[in-house]
Protein backbone atom coordinates (compact mmCIF):
# COMPACT_ATOMS: atom_id res chain seq x y z
CA MET A 1 29.85 23.33 -2.11
CA TYR A 2 28.29 20.86 0.33
CA GLN A 3 27.41 18.09 -2.16
CA GLU A 4 30.73 16.25 -2.02
CA LYS A 5 30.72 16.32 1.79
CA VAL A 6 27.15 14.97 1.95
CA ASP A 7 27.90 12.24 -0.59
CA ALA A 8 31.02 11.13 1.24
CA TYR A 9 29.21 11.17 4.59
CA ILE A 10 26.32 8.99 3.33
CA GLU A 11 28.70 6.51 1.75
CA SER A 12 30.68 6.29 4.99
CA LYS A 13 27.50 5.43 6.90
CA ARG A 14 26.41 2.57 4.62
CA GLU A 15 26.80 -0.18 7.20
CA GLU A 16 25.20 1.90 9.96
CA MET A 17 22.21 2.63 7.74
CA LEU A 18 21.74 -1.04 6.98
CA GLU A 19 22.02 -2.06 10.62
CA ASP A 20 19.45 0.56 11.61
CA LEU A 21 17.15 -0.65 8.85
CA LYS A 22 17.52 -4.23 10.03
CA LEU A 23 16.37 -3.18 13.50
CA LEU A 24 13.10 -1.93 12.03
CA VAL A 25 12.60 -4.79 9.57
CA ARG A 26 12.88 -7.38 12.35
CA ILE A 27 9.71 -5.94 13.89
CA ASP A 28 6.42 -7.43 12.67
CA SER A 29 4.61 -4.11 12.57
CA GLN A 30 1.37 -5.24 10.97
CA ARG A 31 -1.60 -3.56 12.60
CA GLY A 32 -2.82 -5.49 15.63
CA GLU A 33 -5.36 -5.20 18.40
CA ALA A 34 -5.44 -1.80 20.07
CA LYS A 35 -4.21 -1.72 23.66
CA GLU A 36 -3.62 0.92 26.30
CA GLY A 37 -0.86 3.15 24.94
CA LYS A 38 -0.65 1.08 21.75
CA PRO A 39 -3.35 2.37 19.40
CA PHE A 40 -2.44 0.01 16.56
CA GLY A 41 -1.16 -2.95 18.57
CA ASP A 42 2.17 -4.26 19.79
CA GLY A 43 4.14 -4.32 16.52
CA PRO A 44 3.53 -0.73 15.39
CA ALA A 45 4.22 0.53 18.93
CA GLU A 46 7.52 -1.38 19.00
CA ALA A 47 8.52 0.15 15.67
CA ILE A 48 7.73 3.62 16.99
CA ALA A 49 9.88 2.92 20.08
CA VAL A 50 12.86 1.77 18.01
CA ALA A 51 12.59 4.79 15.71
CA GLU A 52 12.33 7.08 18.73
CA GLY A 53 15.55 5.59 20.06
CA LEU A 54 17.35 6.18 16.76
CA LEU A 55 16.20 9.80 16.54
CA LYS A 56 17.35 10.50 20.09
CA ARG A 57 20.69 8.77 19.49
CA TYR A 58 21.37 11.06 16.52
CA GLY A 59 20.59 14.25 18.45
CA PHE A 60 17.23 15.32 17.10
CA LEU A 61 14.47 17.01 19.11
CA VAL A 62 12.06 14.10 19.59
CA THR A 63 8.35 13.96 20.41
CA ASN A 64 6.26 10.80 20.72
CA TYR A 65 2.59 11.49 20.02
CA ASP A 66 1.10 8.70 22.15
CA ASN A 67 2.57 5.99 19.90
CA TYR A 68 0.59 7.22 16.90
CA VAL A 69 3.64 8.93 15.39
CA VAL A 70 7.11 9.94 16.53
CA THR A 71 8.79 13.07 15.20
CA GLY A 72 12.36 14.31 15.06
CA ASP A 73 13.18 17.97 14.47
CA PHE A 74 16.47 19.11 12.98
CA GLY A 75 16.48 22.17 15.19
CA ALA A 76 14.38 24.70 17.04
CA GLN A 77 14.07 27.12 14.10
CA GLU A 78 10.84 27.81 12.26
CA LYS A 79 9.81 24.68 10.34
CA ALA A 80 9.91 24.77 6.54
CA LEU A 81 9.54 21.11 5.62
CA ASP A 82 7.83 17.94 6.88
CA VAL A 83 9.14 14.61 5.59
CA LEU A 84 6.87 11.67 6.32
CA ALA A 85 7.33 7.90 6.28
CA HIS A 86 5.48 4.98 7.86
CA LEU A 87 6.74 2.07 9.92
CA ASP A 88 3.72 -0.24 9.68
CA VAL A 89 3.63 -2.97 7.04
CA VAL A 90 1.12 -5.07 5.11
CA PRO A 91 0.50 -8.77 5.83
CA VAL A 92 2.92 -11.49 4.75
CA THR A 93 2.58 -15.00 3.35
CA GLU A 94 4.60 -18.17 3.83
CA ASP A 95 5.82 -17.99 0.24
CA TRP A 96 8.98 -15.92 0.71
CA THR A 97 11.97 -17.66 -0.88
CA VAL A 98 15.03 -15.46 -0.19
CA THR A 99 14.47 -15.03 3.56
CA ALA A 100 11.66 -14.94 6.09
CA PRO A 101 9.70 -11.65 5.98
CA PHE A 102 11.06 -10.30 9.27
CA GLU A 103 14.60 -11.63 8.95
CA PRO A 104 16.45 -9.02 6.86
CA LYS A 105 19.03 -10.45 4.48
CA ILE A 106 21.52 -8.77 2.16
CA VAL A 107 22.11 -10.38 -1.22
CA GLY A 108 24.39 -8.36 -3.49
CA ASP A 109 22.96 -4.85 -3.84
CA ARG A 110 19.63 -5.82 -2.29
CA ILE A 111 18.35 -5.96 1.27
CA TYR A 112 15.32 -8.24 1.59
CA GLY A 113 12.56 -8.11 4.20
CA ARG A 114 9.06 -6.76 4.73
CA GLY A 115 9.23 -2.97 4.83
CA THR A 116 12.63 -2.56 3.20
CA ALA A 117 10.95 -0.70 0.34
CA ASP A 118 7.63 0.21 1.99
CA ASP A 119 8.45 2.20 4.03
CA LYS A 120 11.15 1.44 6.59
CA GLY A 121 14.02 1.75 4.11
CA PRO A 122 12.87 5.20 2.95
CA ALA A 123 12.40 6.24 6.61
CA ILE A 124 16.05 5.40 7.30
CA ALA A 125 17.08 7.40 4.20
CA LEU A 126 15.27 10.44 5.61
CA ILE A 127 16.91 10.08 9.01
CA TYR A 128 20.39 9.79 7.49
CA ALA A 129 19.80 12.78 5.21
CA MET A 130 19.02 14.85 8.28
CA ARG A 131 21.90 13.29 10.20
CA ALA A 132 24.33 14.22 7.40
CA ILE A 133 23.24 17.86 7.47
CA LYS A 134 23.43 18.01 11.25
CA GLU A 135 26.79 16.30 11.73
CA LEU A 136 28.43 18.13 8.85
CA GLY A 137 27.32 21.47 10.31
CA ILE A 138 25.62 22.68 7.13
CA PRO A 139 23.77 25.96 7.88
CA MET A 140 19.95 25.81 7.84
CA LYS A 141 17.80 28.94 8.09
CA ARG A 142 14.71 26.87 8.85
CA SER A 143 14.09 23.37 10.18
CA VAL A 144 13.00 19.96 8.89
CA ARG A 145 10.73 17.61 10.83
CA VAL A 146 10.66 13.87 10.12
CA ILE A 147 7.29 12.33 10.95
CA LEU A 148 7.27 8.54 11.35
CA GLY A 149 3.83 6.97 11.59
CA SER A 150 2.36 3.55 12.32
CA ASP A 151 -0.98 3.23 10.47
CA GLU A 152 -0.49 4.23 6.84
CA GLU A 153 -1.50 0.83 5.46
CA CYS A 154 -4.82 0.76 7.37
CA GLY A 155 -6.24 4.24 6.93
CA SER A 156 -3.70 6.74 8.32
CA GLY A 157 -5.44 7.19 11.65
CA ASP A 158 -1.99 8.05 12.97
CA LEU A 159 -1.73 11.21 10.88
CA ALA A 160 -5.30 12.20 11.63
CA TYR A 161 -4.33 12.15 15.32
CA TYR A 162 -1.10 14.05 14.71
CA TYR A 163 -2.65 16.82 12.61
CA GLN A 164 -5.29 17.42 15.27
CA LYS A 165 -2.38 18.64 17.39
CA GLU A 166 0.04 20.14 14.85
CA GLN A 167 -0.02 22.30 11.72
CA GLU A 168 1.44 20.99 8.50
CA ALA A 169 4.67 22.60 7.34
CA PRO A 170 4.74 24.96 4.35
CA TYR A 171 6.04 22.01 2.29
CA SER A 172 5.86 18.24 2.72
CA PHE A 173 7.08 15.13 0.95
CA THR A 174 7.02 11.41 1.54
CA PRO A 175 9.46 8.90 -0.01
CA ASP A 176 6.70 6.29 -0.34
CA ALA A 177 6.48 6.01 -4.12
CA ASP A 178 8.69 6.45 -7.20
CA PHE A 179 11.24 8.94 -8.41
CA PRO A 180 11.28 11.40 -10.14
CA LEU A 181 8.26 12.83 -8.25
CA ILE A 182 4.52 12.29 -7.98
CA ASN A 183 2.42 15.44 -7.79
CA ILE A 184 -0.94 13.85 -8.60
CA GLU A 185 -2.51 11.07 -6.55
CA LYS A 186 -5.74 9.57 -7.78
CA GLY A 187 -8.78 9.64 -5.59
CA SER A 188 -10.17 6.46 -4.12
CA PHE A 189 -13.40 4.65 -3.51
CA LYS A 190 -13.33 1.86 -0.97
CA GLY A 191 -16.55 0.16 -2.02
CA GLU A 192 -17.83 -1.87 0.92
CA PHE A 193 -21.03 -3.84 0.39
CA SER A 194 -23.04 -6.65 1.95
CA GLY A 195 -26.13 -8.79 1.63
CA GLU A 196 -28.15 -11.26 3.68
CA PHE A 197 -30.01 -14.32 2.38
CA GLU A 198 -32.91 -16.40 3.63
CA PRO A 199 -32.16 -20.12 4.21
CA GLU A 200 -32.63 -22.21 1.07
CA GLU A 201 -32.51 -25.94 0.42
CA ALA A 202 -29.54 -26.93 -1.74
CA ARG A 203 -27.52 -30.08 -2.38
CA ALA A 204 -24.58 -28.58 -4.27
CA TYR A 205 -23.61 -25.23 -2.79
CA VAL A 206 -20.87 -22.95 -1.46
CA VAL A 207 -20.46 -23.58 2.26
CA SER A 208 -18.03 -20.69 2.74
CA PHE A 209 -15.70 -18.35 0.85
CA GLN A 210 -12.95 -16.18 2.29
CA SER A 211 -10.31 -14.08 0.57
CA GLY A 212 -8.31 -10.96 1.41
CA ASP A 213 -7.57 -9.13 4.63
CA LYS A 214 -6.34 -5.71 3.47
CA VAL A 215 -8.33 -3.54 1.11
CA ASN A 216 -5.21 -2.10 -0.54
CA VAL A 217 -3.67 -5.46 -1.48
CA VAL A 218 -4.50 -7.75 -4.42
CA PRO A 219 -5.44 -10.96 -2.58
CA GLY A 220 -2.93 -13.72 -3.24
CA ARG A 221 -4.98 -16.34 -1.39
CA ALA A 222 -8.58 -17.53 -1.31
CA VAL A 223 -10.24 -20.55 0.27
CA MET A 224 -13.66 -22.04 -0.45
CA ALA A 225 -15.57 -24.94 1.08
CA LEU A 226 -17.99 -26.65 -1.30
CA ALA A 227 -20.59 -29.35 -0.82
CA GLY A 228 -22.27 -31.67 -3.30
CA VAL A 229 -19.72 -31.42 -6.12
CA PRO A 230 -17.23 -34.27 -6.75
CA ALA A 231 -13.57 -33.38 -6.22
CA SER A 232 -12.75 -34.71 -9.69
CA VAL A 233 -15.15 -32.23 -11.31
CA ILE A 234 -13.68 -29.34 -9.31
CA GLU A 235 -10.13 -30.34 -10.25
CA GLN A 236 -11.02 -30.49 -13.93
CA LYS A 237 -12.64 -27.06 -13.93
CA ALA A 238 -9.89 -25.59 -11.74
CA ALA A 239 -7.22 -26.69 -14.21
CA ALA A 240 -8.98 -24.73 -16.95
CA VAL A 241 -9.22 -21.61 -14.76
CA THR A 242 -5.54 -21.91 -13.88
CA GLU A 243 -4.70 -21.98 -17.58
CA GLN A 244 -6.73 -18.80 -18.07
CA THR A 245 -5.52 -16.85 -15.03
CA GLY A 246 -2.29 -18.35 -13.70
CA VAL A 247 -3.91 -18.80 -10.28
CA ALA A 248 -3.23 -22.29 -8.91
CA PHE A 249 -5.84 -24.38 -7.07
CA THR A 250 -5.48 -27.19 -4.53
CA VAL A 251 -8.54 -29.41 -3.99
CA THR A 252 -8.82 -31.35 -0.72
CA GLU A 253 -11.55 -33.74 0.48
CA CYS A 254 -12.37 -33.01 4.14
CA ALA A 255 -13.51 -35.40 6.86
CA ASP A 256 -16.96 -33.76 7.04
CA GLY A 257 -17.60 -34.51 3.36
CA THR A 258 -16.99 -30.99 2.08
CA ILE A 259 -14.34 -30.10 -0.48
CA GLN A 260 -11.83 -27.36 0.35
CA VAL A 261 -10.47 -25.38 -2.57
CA ASP A 262 -7.39 -23.26 -1.91
CA ALA A 263 -6.38 -20.68 -4.51
CA LYS A 264 -2.88 -19.25 -4.73
CA GLY A 265 -2.27 -16.16 -6.84
CA VAL A 266 0.19 -13.29 -6.59
CA ALA A 267 -0.28 -10.35 -4.21
CA ALA A 268 0.35 -6.79 -5.42
CA HIS A 269 -0.54 -3.24 -4.48
CA ALA A 270 -4.19 -2.47 -5.12
CA SER A 271 -3.23 0.64 -7.09
CA THR A 272 -1.61 -1.62 -9.72
CA PRO A 273 -3.98 -4.62 -9.75
CA ALA A 274 -2.86 -5.83 -13.17
CA GLU A 275 0.55 -6.65 -11.64
CA GLY A 276 -0.97 -9.32 -9.38
CA LYS A 277 -2.94 -12.51 -9.88
CA ASN A 278 -6.17 -12.09 -7.96
CA ALA A 279 -7.04 -15.32 -6.15
CA LEU A 280 -10.47 -13.93 -5.21
CA THR A 281 -11.72 -13.19 -8.70
CA ALA A 282 -10.15 -16.36 -10.09
CA SER A 283 -12.07 -18.36 -7.46
CA LEU A 284 -15.30 -16.66 -8.47
CA ARG A 285 -14.57 -17.69 -12.04
CA LEU A 286 -14.19 -21.28 -10.88
CA LEU A 287 -17.60 -21.11 -9.15
CA ARG A 288 -19.12 -20.00 -12.45
CA GLU A 289 -17.97 -23.26 -14.05
CA LEU A 290 -19.25 -25.64 -11.35
CA PRO A 291 -22.64 -27.47 -11.25
CA LEU A 292 -24.06 -25.68 -8.20
CA ASP A 293 -27.71 -25.36 -7.21
CA GLU A 294 -29.38 -22.04 -7.88
CA THR A 295 -29.72 -19.97 -4.70
CA LYS A 296 -29.83 -16.25 -4.03
CA GLY A 297 -26.44 -16.50 -2.40
CA LEU A 298 -24.91 -18.16 -5.44
CA ALA A 299 -26.62 -15.60 -7.70
CA ALA A 300 -24.90 -12.85 -5.72
CA LEU A 301 -21.50 -14.55 -6.05
CA LEU A 302 -21.93 -15.06 -9.78
CA GLY A 303 -23.17 -11.49 -10.08
CA LEU A 304 -19.92 -10.31 -8.50
CA GLU A 305 -18.01 -12.41 -11.02
CA LYS A 306 -19.82 -10.55 -13.83
CA LEU A 307 -19.25 -7.11 -12.30
CA PHE A 308 -15.62 -7.73 -11.31
CA PRO A 309 -14.27 -10.41 -13.68
CA TYR A 310 -10.66 -11.57 -13.37
CA GLU A 311 -9.29 -9.75 -16.42
CA ASP A 312 -11.02 -6.43 -15.70
CA THR A 313 -8.89 -4.27 -13.43
CA CYS A 314 -10.27 -0.92 -14.60
CA GLY A 315 -13.97 -1.01 -13.76
CA ARG A 316 -15.36 -1.45 -17.29
CA SER A 317 -17.71 -4.31 -16.41
CA VAL A 318 -19.30 -2.44 -13.52
CA GLY A 319 -19.63 0.67 -15.69
CA ILE A 320 -17.30 3.18 -14.04
CA PHE A 321 -14.18 3.26 -16.25
CA ARG A 322 -12.81 6.75 -16.83
CA GLU A 323 -9.49 8.12 -18.04
CA ASN A 324 -7.85 11.51 -17.68
CA GLU A 325 -4.74 12.76 -19.50
CA GLU A 326 -3.14 14.12 -16.33
CA SER A 327 -4.08 11.43 -13.83
CA GLY A 328 -4.42 8.34 -16.01
CA ALA A 329 -7.07 5.62 -15.97
CA LEU A 330 -9.28 4.26 -13.22
CA THR A 331 -8.12 0.99 -11.65
CA LEU A 332 -10.15 -1.43 -9.55
CA CYS A 333 -9.12 -4.29 -7.27
CA PHE A 334 -11.69 -6.63 -5.70
CA SER A 335 -9.76 -7.27 -2.52
CA ILE A 336 -11.94 -8.75 0.25
CA LEU A 337 -14.83 -11.23 0.19
CA GLU A 338 -16.43 -13.25 2.98
CA TYR A 339 -19.44 -15.48 2.29
CA THR A 340 -21.71 -17.99 3.96
CA PRO A 341 -25.14 -19.09 2.68
CA GLN A 342 -26.67 -16.52 5.05
CA ARG A 343 -24.40 -13.50 4.53
CA LEU A 344 -21.98 -11.86 2.09
CA HIS A 345 -19.53 -9.03 2.77
CA GLY A 346 -17.06 -7.57 0.28
CA ILE A 347 -14.80 -4.59 -0.38
CA PHE A 348 -13.16 -3.35 -3.58
CA ASP A 349 -10.52 -0.66 -3.97
CA ALA A 350 -10.97 1.73 -6.90
CA ARG A 351 -8.37 4.43 -7.66
CA LEU A 352 -10.03 7.39 -9.37
CA PRO A 353 -8.68 9.83 -11.95
CA ILE A 354 -9.69 13.47 -12.03
CA GLY A 355 -13.32 13.72 -13.11
CA CYS A 356 -14.81 10.91 -11.04
CA THR A 357 -17.87 11.88 -8.98
CA LYS A 358 -20.55 10.14 -6.97
CA GLU A 359 -22.87 10.43 -9.97
CA ASN A 360 -20.54 8.60 -12.39
CA THR A 361 -18.82 6.27 -9.93
CA SER A 362 -20.49 5.21 -6.69
CA ALA A 363 -24.05 5.60 -8.00
CA PRO A 364 -23.70 3.13 -10.91
CA VAL A 365 -21.86 0.66 -8.68
CA GLY A 366 -24.68 0.83 -6.15
CA GLU A 367 -27.27 0.15 -8.85
CA ALA A 368 -25.27 -2.77 -10.25
CA LEU A 369 -24.86 -4.39 -6.82
CA ALA A 370 -28.53 -3.87 -5.94
CA ALA A 371 -29.50 -6.09 -8.87
CA TYR A 372 -27.99 -9.01 -6.94
CA GLY A 373 -29.42 -8.12 -3.54
CA LEU A 374 -26.28 -6.33 -2.33
CA ALA A 375 -26.03 -2.83 -0.86
CA LEU A 376 -23.19 -0.33 -0.61
CA ALA A 377 -22.33 0.83 2.89
CA SER A 378 -21.39 4.33 1.67
CA ASP A 379 -21.13 6.28 -1.57
CA GLU A 380 -18.41 8.64 -0.33
CA LEU A 381 -15.32 9.18 -2.51
CA ASN A 382 -11.86 10.39 -1.52
CA PRO A 383 -11.02 13.12 -4.07
CA PRO A 384 -7.80 13.26 -6.11
CA HIS A 385 -4.82 15.29 -4.87
CA CYS A 386 -2.73 17.59 -7.05
CA VAL A 387 0.17 19.99 -6.48
CA PRO A 388 0.98 22.08 -9.58
CA GLY A 389 3.85 20.56 -11.51
CA ASP A 390 5.34 23.98 -12.30
CA SER A 391 5.45 25.14 -8.65
CA TRP A 392 8.74 26.20 -7.05
CA PHE A 393 8.59 23.30 -4.60
CA VAL A 394 8.14 20.63 -7.29
CA ARG A 395 10.85 22.14 -9.50
CA THR A 396 13.26 22.30 -6.53
CA LEU A 397 12.76 18.62 -5.71
CA LEU A 398 13.16 17.65 -9.36
CA ASP A 399 16.39 19.64 -9.50
CA SER A 400 17.78 17.47 -6.68
CA TYR A 401 16.62 14.33 -8.50
CA GLU A 402 18.25 15.46 -11.75
CA ARG A 403 21.52 16.26 -9.97
CA TYR A 404 21.95 12.64 -8.87
CA PHE A 405 20.20 10.70 -11.63
CA GLY A 406 21.65 12.75 -14.47
CA CYS A 407 18.43 12.91 -16.46
CA LYS A 408 15.42 15.18 -16.83
CA GLY A 409 12.66 14.63 -14.30
CA GLU A 410 8.98 15.26 -14.86
CA PRO A 411 6.16 15.02 -12.31
CA LEU A 412 4.00 11.89 -12.50
CA SER A 413 0.59 10.62 -11.44
CA THR A 414 -0.07 7.55 -9.30
CA GLY A 415 -2.99 5.43 -8.21
CA GLY A 416 -1.32 4.90 -4.86
CA GLY A 417 -2.40 7.00 -1.93
CA THR A 418 0.30 8.28 0.43
CA TYR A 419 0.60 10.27 3.63
CA VAL A 420 0.54 13.56 1.71
CA HIS A 421 -2.81 13.01 -0.01
CA HIS A 422 -4.55 15.56 2.20
CA LEU A 423 -1.63 17.96 2.65
CA GLU A 424 -1.95 21.16 0.65
CA ARG A 425 1.61 21.21 -0.70
CA GLY A 426 2.57 17.57 -0.26
CA VAL A 427 4.13 15.34 -2.92
CA ALA A 428 5.60 11.84 -3.09
CA PHE A 429 9.34 11.93 -3.80
CA GLY A 430 11.17 8.61 -4.15
CA CYS A 431 12.37 6.17 -2.94
CA MET A 432 11.92 3.61 -5.74
CA THR A 433 12.42 3.72 -9.50
CA ALA A 434 9.99 2.50 -12.11
CA ASP A 435 12.51 0.15 -13.72
CA VAL A 436 12.89 -1.99 -10.57
CA ASP A 437 10.11 -4.19 -9.21
CA ASN A 438 10.69 -4.12 -5.44
CA HIS A 439 7.85 -6.59 -4.82
CA MET A 440 6.13 -3.99 -2.68
CA HIS A 441 3.21 -5.63 -0.82
CA GLY A 442 4.35 -8.98 -2.24
CA ASP A 443 6.70 -11.82 -1.38
CA ASP A 444 10.47 -11.20 -1.27
CA GLU A 445 10.18 -7.43 -0.94
CA PHE A 446 13.56 -5.71 -1.25
CA MET A 447 15.30 -2.37 -1.56
CA GLU A 448 18.38 -1.76 -3.66
CA ILE A 449 21.09 -0.55 -1.31
CA SER A 450 22.59 1.74 -3.92
CA THR A 451 19.18 3.38 -4.44
CA LEU A 452 18.76 3.78 -0.68
CA LEU A 453 22.10 5.60 -0.43
CA LYS A 454 21.37 7.76 -3.46
CA SER A 455 17.95 8.62 -2.01
CA ALA A 456 19.51 9.82 1.25
CA LYS A 457 21.83 12.11 -0.75
CA ILE A 458 18.93 13.48 -2.80
CA PHE A 459 16.84 14.10 0.30
CA ALA A 460 19.68 15.97 1.99
CA ASP A 461 20.21 18.09 -1.12
CA ALA A 462 16.50 18.97 -1.26
CA MET A 463 16.27 19.70 2.48
CA ILE A 464 19.18 22.13 2.31
CA LYS A 465 17.71 24.04 -0.63
CA ILE A 466 14.17 24.21 0.74
CA CYS A 467 15.19 25.23 4.25
CA ASN A 468 17.57 27.93 3.00
CA GLU A 469 15.11 29.50 0.59
């Protein structure tokens, strides 16, 4: 009886939704240096402040948890549901073509800008779902709380702080993935390792190597400085690697006599590494082809190329590939590497299906790295998360999905980790669809406006059913 009213309300608020989203997208909310009252830097704190203003404007009961998260409660009743979204974003490049990353732009049915899909657009959909219920006066036996955080991309320290102070609701969902619904999230292993090398004499060697700045992003850039190898030789070998990988190289002779090699690939989410073009691993492949002097540092770099070759995004070469019918196959993204002739530091991001343990995952990686003088910092794994697909909560959410999409919905598995990974009855529900590449974590990120509106309707439908159980 309320569906037509909710649908009409959401459609009538289209322009307001987009203007509110633009307010958030204009904020560069990448994690910055911690300051007094700003635990994740200026940008995330500004995003929290803007969201707090929106929640207050629309009449919710608002609490700011020291700029870690801000919450808005539908009412003072007992809480039945937490809905969570994040306002921080991943880094950007200079390669955007439709608009600048923090200058939102509408083109047809798309709104472009960093965070439109991940996760500022979905956050606005949650707010407007709650606003529709509130302003239409739809009865609610229990309450909904929206939780907007500011550190999801860098470890979720915001939620850790929040849940030290508050209990999770009986049910939780986050619109930070795909419809229909994700009830299984793979585990993860952030493999950090390092090594140190004694000084060695060398004529042709790697002066420095740097790639990646976020562990959960396929690195789209890498830069190396080389000495003792002619630029013409590097260009010839680089052309062959480009043909193999699609990663482009620019070779520049520097005033100090070194050669700078810039690699340009394609960034992607680390949970789907095959969708990107990894500039880091392509650069290691180039090193393999160059006439460089044998040193322990070079042996370590070439060892990493063997363990994490460009084409292998599932951990076969390092000996940890596993596959599970429910949760899918292991994926692996080599995402950060820093090197000088004296020191190497790297991190890879492995997403783990059910069945992965220290014995069959971190232990073999540690042994493989040790063969090249490198040591893991920790062997700890983050276990997979699963909410039964036949539970009342999952079936209720899928019913709301089916009502608006007109097709059967089944729960899915993902390699992506979300805010609900450690919540007992938490699932990922929307806001994207598998048939649309939103360029999440990449250049020209966008959200389809029609999907954003439909998502707000679905969320309202689900909130009403769950809170009136």
